[in-house]
């Protein structure tokens, strides 16, 4: 075989492998997100406004507390392992260090979170039993989510997307079936819906653990060397992560304090429309991050721009549809939310900005573009934007909450793009072996 034929065959094999990855991703991620979207929109219709508001506040607390307990440690594994993904001991050492840190943080933050949760529950006169059961489901979900995310890393690093998405699909099926059964039996309410989520997260955690056993060897105790590497990688991002853990749910928390139960339900319901981007967001972790982490330096800029341009084009299409024909999106929410025409387009725009921020952030993290300077830049830009907005408008109705989110999303995207340019010029903040 001539050299030219050999090179052609190598290129063909590489293209075929990439095509298979994309097909597996689109099938697995599409099916998983379709099931999750179905149960999300079903809960909108099955739960009354009060129950949906309670469920949404609990879920908002779960997202915020989960980010604060993890602080980005689970997201460091792919970047820090780099090309040594086949070494089971290294993978296991990072998993042990990260999970130990996460569990300690969860133990410390739970009492603090309970105080804020009790404050919101009392303000809206929710029953004590419901509030306790919801909060316990939040804590349990965070624990099992950590297990699922850490043991998903080996599957993604080794390209076992079929296994990864099979677990996601089975778990999503369980969630929608359990919710439907509760609804048919008359037992679906805020806390039973929340515990259905918790059991789903536990399934994902245990199944990921079992599926990755042949890929990792987890030591009994964390190794200080690997813990130090994870801390060094995460440290520059800590201000931004802590800040964003609250920012991600700040609209819901603001309307919880200043608005009414109906406003909480409306903001949460519209947030479901933003989940159309989850089909694309999963691509960040499953495909884009490992791909960018393996790229040679001379191909980084071209691929960064290309991926971001494709993502931007998709966002433009979805936003145009939301502004021109919001009724199509509102059909998903049900009759209780059919009047939110103006809010729909702006909500989808804000979700588009968040999605593009995630794409750029994922690519930058994969290249280890993590610096103290840009964390503070992110916080500064978003805070200034939000403070100006709060001086000009009141956050006491649904549309102003949506505007608030769009303004903050634009500032966040700008800061991440600045970080990407700076990172490409300066180079990685942490070198790997």
Protein backbone atom coordinates (compact mmCIF):
# COMPACT_ATOMS: atom_id res chain seq x y z
CA UNK A 1 0.00 0.00 0.00
CA UNK A 2 1.37 3.38 -1.00
CA UNK A 3 1.86 6.20 1.50
CA UNK A 4 -0.94 8.20 -0.12
CA UNK A 5 -3.38 5.27 0.15
CA UNK A 6 -2.39 4.73 3.78
CA UNK A 7 -3.02 8.39 4.66
CA UNK A 8 -6.36 8.29 2.85
CA UNK A 9 -7.38 5.19 4.81
CA UNK A 10 -6.38 6.82 8.12
CA UNK A 11 -8.42 9.92 7.32
CA UNK A 12 -11.39 7.76 6.29
CA UNK A 13 -11.22 5.76 9.52
CA UNK A 14 -11.02 8.95 11.57
CA UNK A 15 -14.04 10.42 9.79
CA UNK A 16 -16.00 7.20 10.26
CA UNK A 17 -15.18 7.18 13.98
CA UNK A 18 -16.29 10.81 14.38
CA UNK A 19 -19.48 10.09 12.46
CA UNK A 20 -20.29 7.11 14.72
CA UNK A 21 -19.71 9.26 17.82
CA UNK A 22 -22.06 11.96 16.52
CA UNK A 23 -24.75 9.38 15.62
CA UNK A 24 -24.51 7.71 19.04
CA UNK A 25 -24.64 11.09 20.73
CA UNK A 26 -27.64 12.32 18.76
CA UNK A 27 -29.52 9.08 19.34
CA UNK A 28 -28.67 8.70 23.02
CA UNK A 29 -28.78 12.35 24.02
CA UNK A 30 -31.84 12.99 21.90
CA UNK A 31 -33.78 10.11 23.42
CA UNK A 32 -32.71 10.94 26.97
CA UNK A 33 -33.56 14.60 26.66
CA UNK A 34 -36.84 13.82 24.94
CA UNK A 35 -37.86 11.67 27.90
CA UNK A 36 -36.73 14.32 30.38
CA UNK A 37 -38.57 17.02 28.46
CA UNK A 38 -41.70 14.88 28.39
CA UNK A 39 -41.71 14.39 32.16
CA UNK A 40 -40.88 18.06 32.71
CA UNK A 41 -43.77 19.27 30.58
CA UNK A 42 -46.03 16.56 32.02
CA UNK A 43 -45.36 17.85 35.54
CA UNK A 44 -46.36 21.33 34.35
CA UNK A 45 -49.77 19.93 33.45
CA UNK A 46 -50.17 17.42 36.29
CA UNK A 47 -49.17 19.68 39.20
CA UNK A 48 -51.26 22.66 40.22
CA UNK A 49 -49.63 26.09 40.53
CA UNK A 50 -48.87 25.75 44.27
CA UNK A 51 -47.33 22.29 43.94
CA UNK A 52 -45.33 23.27 40.88
CA UNK A 53 -44.00 26.35 42.65
CA UNK A 54 -42.91 24.22 45.64
CA UNK A 55 -41.29 21.64 43.37
CA UNK A 56 -39.48 24.38 41.40
CA UNK A 57 -38.05 26.10 44.48
CA UNK A 58 -36.77 22.75 45.77
CA UNK A 59 -35.16 22.02 42.40
CA UNK A 60 -33.59 25.49 42.36
CA UNK A 61 -32.07 24.83 45.77
CA UNK A 62 -30.80 21.49 44.51
CA UNK A 63 -29.03 23.04 41.53
CA UNK A 64 -27.42 25.79 43.62
CA UNK A 65 -26.36 23.52 46.47
CA UNK A 66 -25.02 20.93 44.03
CA UNK A 67 -22.75 23.51 42.41
CA UNK A 68 -21.53 24.71 45.81
CA UNK A 69 -20.75 21.19 47.01
CA UNK A 70 -18.90 20.24 43.83
CA UNK A 71 -17.16 23.58 43.09
CA UNK A 72 -16.09 22.30 39.69
CA UNK A 73 -14.05 19.31 40.94
CA UNK A 74 -15.96 16.72 38.89
CA UNK A 75 -15.33 18.74 35.74
CA UNK A 76 -11.56 18.66 36.16
CA UNK A 77 -11.07 14.94 35.57
CA UNK A 78 -11.17 14.92 31.76
CA UNK A 79 -8.76 17.86 31.47
CA UNK A 80 -6.31 16.65 34.16
CA UNK A 81 -6.21 13.06 32.92
CA UNK A 82 -5.54 14.27 29.37
CA UNK A 83 -3.96 11.50 27.30
CA UNK A 84 -3.58 9.13 30.29
CA UNK A 85 -7.20 8.02 30.35
CA UNK A 86 -6.23 4.37 30.00
CA UNK A 87 -4.44 4.39 33.39
CA UNK A 88 -7.07 3.11 35.82
CA UNK A 89 -5.13 4.13 38.93
CA UNK A 90 -4.93 7.77 37.87
CA UNK A 91 -8.63 7.92 37.06
CA UNK A 92 -9.45 6.30 40.39
CA UNK A 93 -7.22 8.67 42.34
CA UNK A 94 -8.98 11.73 40.91
CA UNK A 95 -12.41 10.23 41.55
CA UNK A 96 -11.57 9.46 45.19
CA UNK A 97 -10.19 12.94 45.86
CA UNK A 98 -13.11 14.69 44.20
CA UNK A 99 -15.85 12.65 45.88
CA UNK A 100 -14.25 13.05 49.31
CA UNK A 101 -14.23 16.82 48.89
CA UNK A 102 -17.81 16.90 47.62
CA UNK A 103 -19.16 14.87 50.55
CA UNK A 104 -17.42 17.11 53.10
CA UNK A 105 -18.86 20.21 51.44
CA UNK A 106 -22.36 18.72 51.40
CA UNK A 107 -22.13 17.97 55.12
CA UNK A 108 -21.03 21.54 55.89
CA UNK A 109 -23.53 23.35 53.65
CA UNK A 110 -26.69 21.42 54.48
CA UNK A 111 -27.45 23.27 57.76
CA UNK A 112 -26.91 26.66 56.10
CA UNK A 113 -29.13 25.79 53.13
CA UNK A 114 -31.91 24.60 55.45
CA UNK A 115 -32.15 28.07 57.03
CA UNK A 116 -32.76 29.79 53.69
CA UNK A 117 -35.18 27.09 52.56
CA UNK A 118 -37.23 27.40 55.74
CA UNK A 119 -37.42 31.17 55.19
CA UNK A 120 -38.96 30.78 51.71
CA UNK A 121 -41.32 28.01 52.87
CA UNK A 122 -42.65 30.14 55.73
CA UNK A 123 -43.09 33.21 53.55
CA UNK A 124 -45.35 31.25 51.19
CA UNK A 125 -47.06 29.30 54.02
CA UNK A 126 -46.06 25.83 52.82
CA UNK A 127 -46.80 22.96 55.19
CA UNK A 128 -44.04 21.73 57.48
CA UNK A 129 -44.30 18.11 56.29
CA UNK A 130 -44.05 19.06 52.62
CA UNK A 131 -41.12 21.39 53.26
CA UNK A 132 -39.16 18.76 55.21
CA UNK A 133 -39.74 16.02 52.64
CA UNK A 134 -38.74 18.35 49.80
CA UNK A 135 -35.54 19.43 51.53
CA UNK A 136 -34.54 15.84 52.34
CA UNK A 137 -35.04 14.91 48.68
CA UNK A 138 -32.76 17.82 47.69
CA UNK A 139 -29.91 16.61 49.94
CA UNK A 140 -30.26 13.00 48.79
CA UNK A 141 -30.32 14.05 45.13
CA UNK A 142 -27.10 16.01 45.51
CA UNK A 143 -25.29 13.02 46.98
CA UNK A 144 -26.35 10.67 44.19
CA UNK A 145 -25.77 13.27 41.48
CA UNK A 146 -22.14 13.44 42.61
CA UNK A 147 -21.78 9.68 42.33
CA UNK A 148 -23.27 9.75 38.85
CA UNK A 149 -21.09 12.59 37.54
CA UNK A 150 -17.78 11.20 38.87
CA UNK A 151 -18.33 7.68 37.56
CA UNK A 152 -19.56 9.01 34.22
CA UNK A 153 -16.11 10.50 33.54
CA UNK A 154 -14.39 7.12 32.83
CA UNK A 155 -17.17 6.16 30.43
CA UNK A 156 -16.81 9.42 28.51
CA UNK A 157 -13.00 9.33 28.48
CA UNK A 158 -13.04 5.79 27.05
CA UNK A 159 -15.71 6.68 24.53
CA UNK A 160 -18.32 4.29 25.94
CA UNK A 161 -21.16 6.52 24.84
CA UNK A 162 -23.54 3.61 24.24
CA UNK A 163 -23.25 2.50 27.85
CA UNK A 164 -23.44 6.06 29.14
CA UNK A 165 -26.61 6.87 27.21
CA UNK A 166 -28.20 3.49 27.90
CA UNK A 167 -28.00 4.28 31.61
CA UNK A 168 -29.37 7.79 31.05
CA UNK A 169 -32.25 6.45 28.95
CA UNK A 170 -33.27 3.70 31.40
CA UNK A 171 -33.21 6.19 34.26
CA UNK A 172 -35.27 8.74 32.33
CA UNK A 173 -37.80 6.02 31.51
CA UNK A 174 -38.06 5.16 35.18
CA UNK A 175 -38.66 8.79 36.07
CA UNK A 176 -41.47 9.35 33.57
CA UNK A 177 -43.15 6.03 34.39
CA UNK A 178 -42.97 6.59 38.14
CA UNK A 179 -44.37 10.13 37.78
CA UNK A 180 -47.18 8.88 35.53
CA UNK A 181 -48.03 6.10 37.98
CA UNK A 182 -48.17 8.58 40.87
CA UNK A 183 -50.43 10.84 38.82
CA UNK A 184 -52.82 8.03 37.88
CA UNK A 185 -52.99 6.90 41.50
CA UNK A 186 -53.65 10.45 42.72
CA UNK A 187 -50.38 10.59 44.66
CA UNK A 188 -48.42 13.10 42.60
CA UNK A 189 -47.54 16.30 44.42
CA UNK A 190 -44.47 18.46 45.01
CA UNK A 191 -42.58 16.12 47.33
CA UNK A 192 -43.42 12.84 45.55
CA UNK A 193 -42.29 14.36 42.24
CA UNK A 194 -39.06 15.49 43.92
CA UNK A 195 -38.39 12.05 45.40
CA UNK A 196 -39.01 10.47 42.00
CA UNK A 197 -36.10 12.62 40.77
CA UNK A 198 -33.97 11.52 43.71
CA UNK A 199 -34.49 7.83 43.00
CA UNK A 200 -33.65 8.47 39.35
CA UNK A 201 -30.33 10.11 40.31
CA UNK A 202 -29.51 7.17 42.58
CA UNK A 203 -30.08 4.75 39.70
CA UNK A 204 -27.73 6.73 37.47
CA UNK A 205 -25.09 6.82 40.20
CA UNK A 206 -25.11 3.08 40.91
CA UNK A 207 -25.31 2.08 37.24
CA UNK A 208 -22.41 4.39 36.29
CA UNK A 209 -20.39 2.93 39.16
CA UNK A 210 -21.02 -0.62 38.00
CA UNK A 211 -20.35 0.15 34.33
CA UNK A 212 -16.99 1.84 35.03
CA UNK A 213 -15.53 -0.79 37.39
CA UNK A 214 -13.19 -2.21 34.75
CA UNK A 215 -11.92 1.27 33.87
CA UNK A 216 -10.88 2.62 37.28
CA UNK A 217 -9.17 1.49 40.46
CA UNK A 218 -10.32 3.76 43.26
CA UNK A 219 -7.99 3.82 46.30
CA UNK A 220 -9.33 3.58 49.84
CA UNK A 221 -7.97 7.01 50.77
CA UNK A 222 -7.44 10.16 48.64
CA UNK A 223 -3.90 10.84 47.45
CA UNK A 224 -2.75 14.35 48.48
CA UNK A 225 -0.88 14.77 45.19
CA UNK A 226 -4.00 14.36 43.07
CA UNK A 227 -6.08 16.40 45.47
CA UNK A 228 -3.56 19.23 45.18
CA UNK A 229 -3.71 19.11 41.38
CA UNK A 230 -7.49 19.32 41.42
CA UNK A 231 -7.39 22.22 43.87
CA UNK A 232 -4.82 24.07 41.76
CA UNK A 233 -6.98 23.59 38.68
CA UNK A 234 -10.21 24.64 40.37
CA UNK A 235 -8.89 27.47 42.57
CA UNK A 236 -8.87 30.25 39.95
CA UNK A 237 -12.44 29.37 39.03
CA UNK A 238 -13.76 29.24 42.61
CA UNK A 239 -14.98 32.85 42.78
CA UNK A 240 -16.83 32.43 39.50
CA UNK A 241 -18.27 29.01 40.41
CA UNK A 242 -19.53 30.21 43.80
CA UNK A 243 -20.96 33.31 42.18
CA UNK A 244 -22.60 31.37 39.34
CA UNK A 245 -24.09 28.78 41.72
CA UNK A 246 -26.36 31.57 42.92
CA UNK A 247 -26.64 33.31 39.56
CA UNK A 248 -28.07 30.24 37.87
CA UNK A 249 -31.16 30.40 40.10
CA UNK A 250 -31.18 34.06 41.09
CA UNK A 251 -34.25 34.85 38.98
CA UNK A 252 -36.24 32.15 40.76
CA UNK A 253 -34.99 33.24 44.18
CA UNK A 254 -35.77 36.91 43.49
CA UNK A 255 -39.31 36.17 42.41
CA UNK A 256 -39.68 33.82 45.40
CA UNK A 257 -38.94 36.73 47.77
CA UNK A 258 -40.59 39.62 45.89
CA UNK A 259 -43.33 37.97 43.82
CA UNK A 260 -46.27 35.65 44.30
CA UNK A 261 -46.66 31.90 44.03
CA UNK A 262 -48.11 32.31 40.51
CA UNK A 263 -44.99 34.24 39.42
CA UNK A 264 -42.77 31.45 40.76
CA UNK A 265 -44.73 28.89 38.75
CA UNK A 266 -44.61 31.05 35.59
CA UNK A 267 -40.86 31.68 35.78
CA UNK A 268 -40.22 27.98 36.39
CA UNK A 269 -42.58 26.93 33.60
CA UNK A 270 -40.88 29.24 31.11
CA UNK A 271 -37.56 27.85 32.28
CA UNK A 272 -38.71 24.51 30.91
CA UNK A 273 -38.64 26.03 27.44
CA UNK A 274 -34.93 26.67 27.92
CA UNK A 275 -34.48 22.93 28.16
CA UNK A 276 -34.64 22.70 24.38
CA UNK A 277 -30.93 23.51 24.61
CA UNK A 278 -30.23 20.53 26.87
CA UNK A 279 -30.16 18.35 23.77
CA UNK A 280 -27.19 20.42 22.61
CA UNK A 281 -25.65 21.06 26.05
CA UNK A 282 -24.99 17.39 26.69
CA UNK A 283 -22.83 17.43 23.57
CA UNK A 284 -20.43 19.74 25.42
CA UNK A 285 -19.45 17.15 28.03
CA UNK A 286 -19.87 14.00 25.99
CA UNK A 287 -18.08 15.07 22.79
CA UNK A 288 -16.71 18.62 22.68
CA UNK A 289 -14.72 18.54 25.93
CA UNK A 290 -12.79 15.28 25.21
CA UNK A 291 -12.29 16.41 21.60
CA UNK A 292 -10.85 19.81 22.53
CA UNK A 293 -8.68 18.30 25.28
CA UNK A 294 -6.94 16.02 22.75
CA UNK A 295 -6.35 18.62 20.04
CA UNK A 296 -2.79 19.72 19.21
CA UNK A 297 -2.15 23.41 19.86
CA UNK A 298 -2.05 24.41 16.20
CA UNK A 299 -5.67 23.26 15.65
CA UNK A 300 -7.30 24.78 18.74
CA UNK A 301 -8.25 28.24 17.40
CA UNK A 302 -9.80 26.97 14.16
CA UNK A 303 -11.90 24.33 15.92
CA UNK A 304 -12.93 26.71 18.72
CA UNK A 305 -14.28 29.24 16.23
CA UNK A 306 -15.95 26.57 14.11
CA UNK A 307 -17.75 24.92 17.03
CA UNK A 308 -18.88 28.26 18.48
CA UNK A 309 -20.15 29.43 15.06
CA UNK A 310 -22.23 26.28 14.60
CA UNK A 311 -23.70 26.66 18.09
CA UNK A 312 -24.52 30.33 17.42
CA UNK A 313 -26.31 29.47 14.18
CA UNK A 314 -28.49 26.89 15.95
CA UNK A 315 -29.35 29.43 18.66
CA UNK A 316 -30.37 32.03 16.08
CA UNK A 317 -32.81 29.60 14.48
CA UNK A 318 -34.44 28.71 17.79
CA UNK A 319 -34.67 32.35 18.90
CA UNK A 320 -36.30 33.44 15.64
CA UNK A 321 -38.90 30.71 16.02
CA UNK A 322 -39.62 31.77 19.62
CA UNK A 323 -40.12 35.44 18.77
CA UNK A 324 -42.10 34.86 15.56
CA UNK A 325 -44.29 31.96 16.72
CA UNK A 326 -44.32 31.79 20.54
CA UNK A 327 -47.62 29.89 20.47
CA UNK A 328 -45.75 26.78 19.28
CA UNK A 329 -43.59 26.82 22.41
CA UNK A 330 -46.50 27.66 24.72
CA UNK A 331 -48.38 24.57 23.56
CA UNK A 332 -45.83 22.60 25.54
CA UNK A 333 -46.66 24.39 28.78
CA UNK A 334 -50.39 23.85 28.87
CA UNK A 335 -53.44 26.08 29.37
CA UNK A 336 -52.28 27.54 32.70
CA UNK A 337 -49.43 29.42 30.95
CA UNK A 338 -50.93 30.18 27.51
CA UNK A 339 -50.85 33.98 27.97
CA UNK A 340 -47.03 34.28 28.25
CA UNK A 341 -46.46 35.33 24.61
CA UNK A 342 -44.07 38.22 25.19
CA UNK A 343 -42.06 36.35 27.81
CA UNK A 344 -41.41 33.32 25.59
CA UNK A 345 -39.07 34.88 23.02
CA UNK A 346 -37.00 36.67 25.65
CA UNK A 347 -36.72 33.52 27.75
CA UNK A 348 -35.44 31.53 24.80
CA UNK A 349 -32.95 34.31 24.00
CA UNK A 350 -31.63 34.18 27.56
CA UNK A 351 -31.35 30.40 27.33
CA UNK A 352 -29.45 30.76 24.05
CA UNK A 353 -26.92 33.04 25.70
CA UNK A 354 -26.49 30.58 28.56
CA UNK A 355 -25.99 27.72 26.14
CA UNK A 356 -23.33 29.60 24.16
CA UNK A 357 -21.61 30.48 27.44
CA UNK A 358 -21.52 26.78 28.28
CA UNK A 359 -20.02 25.90 24.91
CA UNK A 360 -17.21 28.46 25.24
CA UNK A 361 -16.63 27.59 28.91
CA UNK A 362 -16.38 23.86 28.13
CA UNK A 363 -13.82 24.40 25.39
CA UNK A 364 -11.78 26.74 27.58
CA UNK A 365 -11.84 24.29 30.47
CA UNK A 366 -10.72 21.44 28.22
CA UNK A 367 -7.68 23.53 27.24
CA UNK A 368 -7.09 24.47 30.92
CA UNK A 369 -7.66 28.19 30.33
CA UNK A 370 -8.48 28.84 33.98
CA UNK A 371 -7.24 32.05 35.65
CA UNK A 372 -8.00 34.18 38.68
CA UNK A 373 -8.21 37.33 36.56
CA UNK A 374 -11.04 36.12 34.38
CA UNK A 375 -13.06 34.78 37.33
CA UNK A 376 -13.15 38.24 38.84
CA UNK A 377 -13.85 39.76 35.42
CA UNK A 378 -16.90 37.50 35.09
CA UNK A 379 -18.19 38.43 38.52
CA UNK A 380 -17.58 42.14 37.91
CA UNK A 381 -19.35 42.28 34.53
CA UNK A 382 -22.39 40.36 35.73
CA UNK A 383 -22.72 42.29 39.00
CA UNK A 384 -22.47 45.67 37.30
CA UNK A 385 -25.07 44.61 34.74
CA UNK A 386 -27.45 43.33 37.41
CA UNK A 387 -27.03 46.35 39.66
CA UNK A 388 -27.79 48.72 36.77
CA UNK A 389 -30.86 46.65 35.92
CA UNK A 390 -32.11 46.63 39.53
CA UNK A 391 -31.73 50.41 39.69
CA UNK A 392 -33.88 50.82 36.57
CA UNK A 393 -36.54 48.13 37.10
CA UNK A 394 -38.42 46.28 39.83
CA UNK A 395 -38.21 42.49 39.97
CA UNK A 396 -41.82 41.82 40.95
CA UNK A 397 -43.36 40.32 37.82
CA UNK A 398 -42.51 37.60 35.33
CA UNK A 399 -41.36 39.68 32.33
CA UNK A 400 -38.88 41.74 34.36
CA UNK A 401 -37.37 38.54 35.76
CA UNK A 402 -36.88 37.32 32.18
CA UNK A 403 -35.26 40.62 31.12
CA UNK A 404 -32.99 40.38 34.16
CA UNK A 405 -31.83 36.93 33.05
CA UNK A 406 -31.11 38.05 29.49
CA UNK A 407 -28.96 40.98 30.67
CA UNK A 408 -26.96 38.77 33.05
CA UNK A 409 -26.56 36.09 30.36
CA UNK A 410 -25.11 38.57 27.87
CA UNK A 411 -22.58 39.82 30.43
CA UNK A 412 -21.57 36.25 31.32
CA UNK A 413 -21.04 35.25 27.68
CA UNK A 414 -18.89 38.34 27.07
CA UNK A 415 -16.65 37.51 30.03
CA UNK A 416 -16.14 33.89 28.89
CA UNK A 417 -15.24 34.97 25.37
CA UNK A 418 -12.69 37.43 26.77
CA UNK A 419 -11.27 34.59 28.85
CA UNK A 420 -11.01 32.38 25.76
CA UNK A 421 -9.00 34.96 23.85
CA UNK A 422 -6.75 35.54 26.86
CA UNK A 423 -6.33 31.79 27.39
CA UNK A 424 -5.35 31.13 23.81
CA UNK A 425 -2.67 33.83 24.01
CA UNK A 426 -1.35 32.94 27.47
CA UNK A 427 -1.68 29.15 27.35
CA UNK A 428 -2.81 26.56 29.95
CA UNK A 429 -2.83 27.57 33.61
CA UNK A 430 -1.99 24.01 34.75
CA UNK A 431 0.38 21.66 32.99
CA UNK A 432 -0.23 17.90 33.05
CA UNK A 433 2.34 15.15 33.00
